[in-house]
Amino acid sequence: MFFDDDIEFCASLLKESDPSRFRSIMAAPEKLRPYYFVIFALNVEVSRAPYLTKEPLIADIRLQWWLDVLDEIIGDKAVRKHAVATPLSKCIGKSQAKELKKFVLARKWDIHSDEFNSLTELNNYLYETTGILFQVAAGRNLVTTNKYFHDACMAIALANYLTATPDLKRAGKLPFAGLSPIEIGEQCGIAMANLKTAKSHRKNFTERERWVLFTGWKSEKILTKIFRNPENLESIVSKLEQQRMTLAFVWKAILKTF
C-alpha cells in the first residue's frame, strides 16, 4: 500500500484526534505506516461516532454506516468512496471485515450509559474494541490467535480504558460501576504480568505485530501506577497525560518493544 490522498487524510485525522498513537506509528518502518494509519483512522471514526450527537438513534445510524461498509467488503461489492472506507477495503480481507463488525457493534455500549455487569463483560468489550483492532492492524488471521499477542493486546486495552475513564465519566458513562478500587488494582496486576510475559516472547512476533504493540508503549507505566494506587486513578491519569516520556519512547522504539 502506497501513500495517496486517502492515506494522507487518515494520517492527518490520526494526528489531530489521536496524536499519541500517530507519534507511535511515525516511529514504525515507513512501509508499515499506511496500514496502521488506515486501521487506526477507522478506530477514530467508529469510537467517536457515539459522542458526536446526544441522539442515540443518530449515533446508531453512524455505526450502521460502518457496518454497511464492512458488509460491502465481505460481499465483494463496490465499496462507497470515503477517505477511510476506500483504503480500508484495500488492506483487509473478508475474514478481517467480519471481525471488525464485532468491533463496530461493541461501540453501541458507548451510545448508552449502561454498566458492565461483570468483569467478563468488560473484558469482552476490551477485546472487541481493541483486541480485534490490533489483530487486524497486525495483519493476523483472527481464527488462530497467538496467546502472548492476545494477552499483550488485552493489557494495552485495559491501560487505554483506564486512561479514558475521566472522559467517560464526564460523558455520563459508568466505566467501572460495581468494581472496587481493589478489584481494579487486581486487574492491573494481572495485565502487568501478562504484558511482561508477552514481552519475553516478542522475538516470536512478526515485525508488524511488534510495531502494533508499540503503539501501547505507555501501558506498562499506566498499569503499574494504578496498580500501586487504584484509589487515585483519575489523578494518576491526569498526571500521566501531561508527561511526554520522550526518553522512554525513544528507548522502546530502539528496542522495538512495548
Protein backbone atom coordinates (compact mmCIF):
# COMPACT_ATOMS: atom_id res chain seq x y z
CA MET A 1 0.00 0.00 0.00
CA PHE A 2 1.39 3.38 -1.05
CA PHE A 3 0.74 6.86 0.29
CA ASP A 4 -2.03 8.64 -1.59
CA ASP A 5 -4.58 11.33 -0.74
CA ASP A 6 -6.70 8.91 1.31
CA ILE A 7 -3.71 7.71 3.34
CA GLU A 8 -2.67 11.31 3.92
CA PHE A 9 -6.19 12.02 5.19
CA CYS A 10 -6.05 9.03 7.56
CA ALA A 11 -2.67 10.20 8.85
CA SER A 12 -3.89 13.76 9.41
CA LEU A 13 -7.06 12.50 11.12
CA LEU A 14 -4.96 10.44 13.49
CA LYS A 15 -2.51 13.27 14.11
CA GLU A 16 -5.39 15.54 15.13
CA SER A 17 -7.57 13.09 17.04
CA ASP A 18 -5.08 10.57 18.46
CA PRO A 19 -1.66 12.31 18.50
CA SER A 20 -0.02 9.78 20.83
CA ARG A 21 -0.81 6.90 18.51
CA PHE A 22 0.20 8.97 15.48
CA ARG A 23 3.57 9.59 17.12
CA SER A 24 3.99 5.85 17.73
CA ILE A 25 3.16 4.98 14.13
CA MET A 26 5.68 7.51 12.82
CA ALA A 27 8.37 5.55 14.67
CA ALA A 28 7.46 2.39 12.74
CA PRO A 29 9.07 1.48 9.39
CA GLU A 30 7.65 3.57 6.56
CA LYS A 31 6.34 0.52 4.72
CA LEU A 32 4.02 -0.32 7.63
CA ARG A 33 2.65 3.15 8.32
CA PRO A 34 -0.12 3.23 5.67
CA TYR A 35 -1.79 0.11 7.13
CA TYR A 36 -1.64 1.49 10.65
CA PHE A 37 -2.91 4.90 9.58
CA VAL A 38 -5.95 3.33 7.91
CA ILE A 39 -6.86 0.89 10.69
CA PHE A 40 -6.44 3.40 13.48
CA ALA A 41 -8.24 6.10 11.48
CA LEU A 42 -11.14 3.64 11.36
CA ASN A 43 -10.86 3.45 15.14
CA VAL A 44 -11.15 7.24 15.39
CA GLU A 45 -14.21 7.31 13.15
CA VAL A 46 -16.00 4.48 14.94
CA SER A 47 -15.07 5.33 18.53
CA ARG A 48 -16.19 8.95 18.25
CA ALA A 49 -19.48 8.16 16.48
CA PRO A 50 -21.46 7.67 19.72
CA TYR A 51 -20.23 11.01 21.07
CA LEU A 52 -20.93 13.27 18.09
CA THR A 53 -24.61 13.50 18.98
CA LYS A 54 -26.86 13.21 22.01
CA GLU A 55 -29.45 11.37 19.93
CA PRO A 56 -28.99 7.59 20.32
CA LEU A 57 -30.76 6.90 17.01
CA ILE A 58 -28.38 9.13 15.06
CA ALA A 59 -25.36 7.59 16.80
CA ASP A 60 -26.68 4.15 15.89
CA ILE A 61 -27.07 5.22 12.25
CA ARG A 62 -23.43 6.39 12.22
CA LEU A 63 -22.28 2.98 13.42
CA GLN A 64 -24.59 1.24 10.95
CA TRP A 65 -22.87 3.16 8.15
CA TRP A 66 -19.60 1.43 9.04
CA LEU A 67 -21.31 -1.94 9.35
CA ASP A 68 -22.60 -1.41 5.80
CA VAL A 69 -19.06 -0.62 4.59
CA LEU A 70 -17.80 -3.87 6.10
CA ASP A 71 -20.68 -5.78 4.54
CA GLU A 72 -19.68 -4.36 1.16
CA ILE A 73 -16.14 -5.67 1.69
CA ILE A 74 -17.42 -9.07 2.80
CA GLY A 75 -19.78 -9.29 -0.16
CA ASP A 76 -17.19 -8.26 -2.78
CA LYS A 77 -19.32 -5.24 -3.62
CA ALA A 78 -18.12 -1.83 -4.72
CA VAL A 79 -17.20 -0.02 -1.51
CA ARG A 80 -18.55 3.51 -1.18
CA LYS A 81 -15.99 6.23 -1.75
CA HIS A 82 -14.74 7.64 1.53
CA ALA A 83 -11.30 8.75 2.71
CA VAL A 84 -11.16 5.95 5.31
CA ALA A 85 -13.53 3.32 3.89
CA THR A 86 -11.84 3.25 0.47
CA PRO A 87 -8.28 2.46 1.68
CA LEU A 88 -9.74 0.13 4.33
CA SER A 89 -11.22 -2.02 1.56
CA LYS A 90 -7.73 -2.34 0.05
CA CYS A 91 -5.93 -3.51 3.18
CA ILE A 92 -8.27 -6.02 4.84
CA GLY A 93 -9.84 -9.28 3.75
CA LYS A 94 -13.30 -10.75 4.26
CA SER A 95 -12.46 -12.57 7.49
CA GLN A 96 -11.00 -9.41 8.99
CA ALA A 97 -14.05 -7.40 7.90
CA LYS A 98 -16.27 -9.92 9.67
CA GLU A 99 -14.29 -9.48 12.88
CA LEU A 100 -14.37 -5.71 12.54
CA LYS A 101 -18.15 -5.87 12.55
CA LYS A 102 -17.85 -7.06 16.17
CA PHE A 103 -15.54 -4.09 16.78
CA VAL A 104 -18.19 -1.68 15.48
CA LEU A 105 -21.09 -3.37 17.28
CA ALA A 106 -19.20 -3.19 20.59
CA ARG A 107 -19.31 0.60 20.37
CA LYS A 108 -23.08 0.50 20.83
CA TRP A 109 -22.30 0.34 24.55
CA ASP A 110 -20.88 3.85 24.24
CA ILE A 111 -24.21 5.19 22.98
CA HIS A 112 -25.91 4.49 26.29
CA SER A 113 -24.95 4.85 29.95
CA ASP A 114 -25.14 1.16 30.78
CA GLU A 115 -22.76 -0.52 33.18
CA PHE A 116 -20.91 -3.79 32.79
CA ASN A 117 -22.46 -6.48 34.94
CA SER A 118 -19.24 -8.44 35.33
CA LEU A 119 -15.53 -8.47 34.58
CA THR A 120 -16.31 -10.89 31.78
CA GLU A 121 -18.48 -8.28 30.07
CA LEU A 122 -15.78 -5.64 30.50
CA ASN A 123 -13.09 -7.93 29.11
CA ASN A 124 -15.28 -8.82 26.14
CA TYR A 125 -15.70 -5.11 25.45
CA LEU A 126 -11.95 -4.51 25.71
CA TYR A 127 -11.23 -7.38 23.33
CA GLU A 128 -13.81 -6.31 20.78
CA THR A 129 -12.86 -2.61 20.83
CA THR A 130 -9.07 -3.04 21.00
CA GLY A 131 -8.00 -6.67 20.68
CA ILE A 132 -9.71 -7.18 17.33
CA LEU A 133 -8.44 -3.83 16.05
CA PHE A 134 -4.83 -4.65 16.97
CA GLN A 135 -5.01 -8.08 15.39
CA VAL A 136 -6.35 -6.65 12.14
CA ALA A 137 -3.68 -3.92 12.17
CA ALA A 138 -1.09 -6.66 12.64
CA GLY A 139 -2.43 -8.50 9.61
CA ARG A 140 -3.30 -11.54 11.69
CA ASN A 141 -5.67 -14.34 10.82
CA LEU A 142 -8.11 -13.94 13.69
CA VAL A 143 -9.15 -17.57 13.55
CA THR A 144 -5.79 -18.58 15.05
CA THR A 145 -4.78 -16.24 17.86
CA ASN A 146 -1.31 -16.19 19.44
CA LYS A 147 -1.87 -16.24 23.21
CA TYR A 148 1.00 -13.88 24.01
CA PHE A 149 -0.02 -11.38 21.37
CA HIS A 150 -3.61 -11.59 22.62
CA ASP A 151 -2.54 -11.05 26.23
CA ALA A 152 -0.44 -8.02 25.27
CA CYS A 153 -3.38 -6.56 23.35
CA MET A 154 -5.67 -7.03 26.35
CA ALA A 155 -3.18 -5.38 28.71
CA ILE A 156 -2.90 -2.40 26.37
CA ALA A 157 -6.69 -2.31 26.03
CA LEU A 158 -7.09 -2.09 29.81
CA ALA A 159 -4.46 0.66 30.05
CA ASN A 160 -6.23 2.63 27.31
CA TYR A 161 -9.58 2.18 29.04
CA LEU A 162 -8.18 3.33 32.35
CA THR A 163 -6.76 6.41 30.63
CA ALA A 164 -10.19 7.15 29.14
CA THR A 165 -12.01 6.80 32.48
CA PRO A 166 -12.19 10.55 33.32
CA ASP A 167 -13.59 11.38 29.86
CA LEU A 168 -16.07 8.51 30.07
CA LYS A 169 -17.34 9.80 33.41
CA ARG A 170 -17.72 13.31 32.02
CA ALA A 171 -19.77 11.81 29.20
CA GLY A 172 -22.11 10.21 31.74
CA LYS A 173 -20.78 6.67 31.43
CA LEU A 174 -20.14 4.19 34.24
CA PRO A 175 -16.77 2.73 33.24
CA PHE A 176 -16.15 0.68 36.39
CA ALA A 177 -19.56 0.54 38.04
CA GLY A 178 -19.62 -2.17 40.68
CA LEU A 179 -15.84 -2.62 40.76
CA SER A 180 -13.94 -1.54 43.85
CA PRO A 181 -10.51 0.13 43.62
CA ILE A 182 -9.03 -3.12 44.96
CA GLU A 183 -10.56 -5.09 42.06
CA ILE A 184 -9.31 -2.52 39.56
CA GLY A 185 -5.84 -2.84 41.07
CA GLU A 186 -6.04 -6.63 40.78
CA GLN A 187 -6.92 -6.39 37.09
CA CYS A 188 -3.92 -4.09 36.59
CA GLY A 189 -1.72 -6.66 38.33
CA ILE A 190 -2.93 -9.45 36.04
CA ALA A 191 -2.44 -7.26 32.96
CA MET A 192 1.07 -6.28 34.08
CA ALA A 193 2.07 -9.94 34.48
CA ASN A 194 0.64 -10.84 31.08
CA LEU A 195 2.39 -7.90 29.46
CA LYS A 196 5.71 -8.90 30.99
CA THR A 197 5.33 -12.49 29.74
CA ALA A 198 4.34 -11.29 26.27
CA LYS A 199 7.41 -9.04 26.14
CA SER A 200 9.63 -12.03 26.89
CA HIS A 201 8.19 -13.71 23.76
CA ARG A 202 8.34 -10.66 21.50
CA LYS A 203 11.09 -12.16 19.33
CA ASN A 204 8.46 -14.62 18.09
CA PHE A 205 6.19 -11.80 16.93
CA THR A 206 6.24 -10.55 13.36
CA GLU A 207 7.58 -7.10 12.63
CA ARG A 208 4.06 -5.84 12.01
CA GLU A 209 2.84 -7.28 15.33
CA ARG A 210 5.69 -5.72 17.31
CA TRP A 211 5.06 -2.26 15.91
CA VAL A 212 1.31 -2.52 16.51
CA LEU A 213 2.02 -3.31 20.15
CA PHE A 214 4.49 -0.42 20.28
CA THR A 215 1.51 1.94 19.97
CA GLY A 216 0.76 0.86 23.54
CA TRP A 217 4.24 1.73 24.82
CA LYS A 218 2.82 3.72 27.76
CA SER A 219 0.71 0.81 29.01
CA GLU A 220 3.26 -0.66 31.41
CA LYS A 221 3.67 2.62 33.27
CA ILE A 222 -0.08 3.27 33.36
CA LEU A 223 -0.85 -0.18 34.75
CA THR A 224 1.99 -0.01 37.28
CA LYS A 225 0.97 3.41 38.62
CA ILE A 226 -2.69 2.45 39.02
CA PHE A 227 -1.85 -0.99 40.44
CA ARG A 228 0.05 0.75 43.24
CA ASN A 229 -2.65 3.29 43.98
CA PRO A 230 -6.02 2.43 42.35
CA GLU A 231 -7.89 4.80 44.66
CA ASN A 232 -6.30 7.76 42.85
CA LEU A 233 -6.92 6.51 39.31
CA GLU A 234 -8.13 9.81 37.87
CA SER A 235 -5.34 11.84 39.43
CA ILE A 236 -2.74 9.39 38.09
CA VAL A 237 -4.25 9.53 34.60
CA SER A 238 -4.22 13.32 34.65
CA LYS A 239 -0.53 13.45 35.61
CA LEU A 240 0.47 10.83 33.04
CA GLU A 241 -1.29 12.72 30.25
CA GLN A 242 0.95 15.71 30.97
CA GLN A 243 4.13 13.64 30.64
CA ARG A 244 5.63 13.09 27.19
CA MET A 245 8.12 10.50 28.50
CA THR A 246 10.34 11.13 25.48
CA LEU A 247 13.29 9.10 26.76
CA ALA A 248 11.10 6.04 27.38
CA PHE A 249 9.50 6.45 23.96
CA VAL A 250 12.86 6.60 22.16
CA TRP A 251 14.33 3.72 24.16
CA LYS A 252 11.35 1.43 23.46
CA ALA A 253 11.37 2.41 19.79
CA ILE A 254 15.04 1.42 19.54
CA LEU A 255 14.35 -1.90 21.25
CA LYS A 256 11.13 -2.37 19.21
CA THR A 257 9.30 -3.27 22.37
CA PHE A 258 6.17 -2.20 24.22
